Amino acid sequence: MQIIVDTSAIIAVLVNESSKPAIIQATQQTDLLAPSSIHWEIANAFSAMFKRNRLTLDEALTAIAIYQQIPMRFVEVELEESLKIADELGIYAYDAYLLRSAVKYNLPLLTLDQGLKEQAERLGVKVMEVEP
């Protein structure tokens, strides 16, 4: 089985949030796919965590090393189609890239982001539920 994975799920695993075991269990025996923009989203999330004193640079660098070992296939998405989704739903392009990937490849989305989950459902994208 293949799934599109969101930054929120990856970050939860990397920083040992309570949902980590459930995410790992849900993704066993699956192939993870994501738009290549996820690299920048991960770094952006870590920089936001710096500002809130939730993460140090050393912790972030360790997490990045772990992230780089996660087997994941990066997919290309059309900017034009992604922007149409962003406009239609009133969302950021980064979220639209994930939704476009799910639509394009007809795959479920794994996200912990409630807003993204709601937008995915508006588009008819199946969302994988993960309980902490």
Protein backbone atom coordinates (compact mmCIF):
# COMPACT_ATOMS: atom_id res chain seq x y z
CA MET A 1 0.00 0.00 0.00
CA GLN A 2 1.16 3.52 -0.77
CA ILE A 3 0.26 6.69 1.15
CA ILE A 4 0.98 10.38 0.90
CA VAL A 5 2.56 11.51 4.16
CA ASP A 6 2.30 15.01 5.57
CA THR A 7 4.95 16.99 7.44
CA SER A 8 2.91 16.87 10.64
CA ALA A 9 3.15 13.08 10.81
CA ILE A 10 6.88 13.06 10.08
CA ILE A 11 7.59 15.76 12.66
CA ALA A 12 5.54 13.84 15.26
CA VAL A 13 7.78 10.82 14.74
CA LEU A 14 11.02 12.80 14.68
CA VAL A 15 10.35 14.69 17.93
CA ASN A 16 8.77 11.75 19.75
CA GLU A 17 5.24 13.10 20.13
CA SER A 18 2.62 10.86 21.72
CA SER A 19 1.26 9.85 18.29
CA LYS A 20 4.64 8.40 17.21
CA PRO A 21 3.84 4.71 17.94
CA ALA A 22 0.49 4.94 16.15
CA ILE A 23 2.08 6.60 13.12
CA ILE A 24 4.81 3.98 12.93
CA GLN A 25 2.23 1.22 13.20
CA ALA A 26 0.02 2.81 10.54
CA THR A 27 2.91 3.14 8.10
CA GLN A 28 4.36 -0.34 8.45
CA GLN A 29 4.12 -2.29 5.22
CA THR A 30 3.45 0.94 3.29
CA ASP A 31 5.41 2.97 0.80
CA LEU A 32 5.59 6.62 1.81
CA LEU A 33 5.25 9.25 -0.90
CA ALA A 34 5.45 13.01 -0.58
CA PRO A 35 6.04 16.05 -2.75
CA SER A 36 9.67 17.17 -2.61
CA SER A 37 8.54 20.38 -0.91
CA ILE A 38 8.32 18.37 2.30
CA HIS A 39 12.07 18.92 2.83
CA TRP A 40 11.54 22.65 3.25
CA GLU A 41 8.42 22.18 5.33
CA ILE A 42 10.35 20.03 7.80
CA ALA A 43 13.09 22.65 8.17
CA ASN A 44 10.47 25.38 8.51
CA ALA A 45 8.69 23.43 11.26
CA PHE A 46 11.96 23.03 13.12
CA SER A 47 12.75 26.74 12.84
CA ALA A 48 9.29 27.50 14.27
CA MET A 49 10.06 25.14 17.13
CA PHE A 50 13.29 27.07 17.79
CA LYS A 51 11.26 30.24 18.29
CA ARG A 52 9.05 28.52 20.87
CA ASN A 53 12.04 26.92 22.62
CA ARG A 54 10.66 23.46 21.88
CA LEU A 55 13.77 22.27 20.06
CA THR A 56 17.47 23.05 19.99
CA LEU A 57 19.63 23.18 16.90
CA ASP A 58 21.43 19.99 17.94
CA GLU A 59 18.09 18.20 18.39
CA ALA A 60 16.94 19.42 14.99
CA LEU A 61 20.13 18.27 13.29
CA THR A 62 19.77 14.84 14.88
CA ALA A 63 16.15 14.71 13.72
CA ILE A 64 17.18 15.69 10.18
CA ALA A 65 19.69 12.83 10.12
CA ILE A 66 16.90 10.45 11.12
CA TYR A 67 14.51 12.00 8.58
CA GLN A 68 17.02 11.40 5.80
CA GLN A 69 16.94 7.68 6.61
CA ILE A 70 13.16 7.36 6.25
CA PRO A 71 12.42 5.50 3.02
CA MET A 72 10.25 7.88 1.06
CA ARG A 73 9.61 8.44 -2.62
CA PHE A 74 9.36 12.07 -3.68
CA VAL A 75 6.79 12.84 -6.34
CA GLU A 76 6.42 15.74 -8.70
CA VAL A 77 3.24 17.76 -8.70
CA GLU A 78 2.06 20.25 -11.25
CA LEU A 79 2.25 23.80 -9.95
CA GLU A 80 -0.73 24.85 -12.03
CA GLU A 81 -2.99 22.13 -10.60
CA SER A 82 -1.70 22.78 -7.09
CA LEU A 83 -2.44 26.50 -7.38
CA LYS A 84 -5.96 25.73 -8.57
CA ILE A 85 -6.47 23.65 -5.41
CA ALA A 86 -4.93 26.39 -3.24
CA ASP A 87 -7.27 28.96 -4.76
CA GLU A 88 -10.36 26.75 -4.58
CA LEU A 89 -9.81 25.83 -0.92
CA GLY A 90 -8.13 29.02 0.29
CA ILE A 91 -5.04 27.18 1.50
CA TYR A 92 -1.27 27.54 1.24
CA ALA A 93 0.52 26.01 -1.72
CA TYR A 94 2.46 23.61 0.52
CA ASP A 95 -0.81 22.02 1.62
CA ALA A 96 -2.09 22.05 -1.94
CA TYR A 97 1.00 20.09 -3.08
CA LEU A 98 0.07 17.31 -0.64
CA LEU A 99 -3.55 17.29 -1.73
CA ARG A 100 -2.61 17.35 -5.41
CA SER A 101 -0.29 14.39 -4.81
CA ALA A 102 -3.09 12.43 -3.15
CA VAL A 103 -5.50 13.24 -5.97
CA LYS A 104 -2.98 12.60 -8.76
CA TYR A 105 -1.91 9.21 -7.44
CA ASN A 106 -5.32 8.31 -5.93
CA LEU A 107 -3.73 7.64 -2.53
CA PRO A 108 -4.79 8.26 1.05
CA LEU A 109 -3.22 11.08 3.04
CA LEU A 110 -1.69 10.64 6.47
CA THR A 111 -1.84 13.92 8.38
CA LEU A 112 -2.28 15.11 11.94
CA ASP A 113 -3.30 18.57 10.73
CA GLN A 114 -7.06 18.90 11.32
CA GLY A 115 -7.41 21.76 8.83
CA LEU A 116 -5.65 19.81 6.09
CA LYS A 117 -7.76 16.76 6.90
CA GLU A 118 -10.95 18.80 6.42
CA GLN A 119 -9.70 20.22 3.10
CA ALA A 120 -8.71 16.74 1.91
CA GLU A 121 -12.19 15.47 2.67
CA ARG A 122 -13.65 18.39 0.68
CA LEU A 123 -11.65 17.14 -2.31
CA GLY A 124 -12.69 13.53 -1.78
CA VAL A 125 -9.25 12.45 -0.60
CA LYS A 126 -9.25 9.58 1.87
CA VAL A 127 -7.50 10.50 5.12
CA MET A 128 -5.82 7.89 7.29
CA GLU A 129 -6.84 8.21 10.91
CA VAL A 130 -4.13 7.85 13.55
CA GLU A 131 -5.00 7.67 17.22
CA PRO A 132 -2.34 8.81 19.71
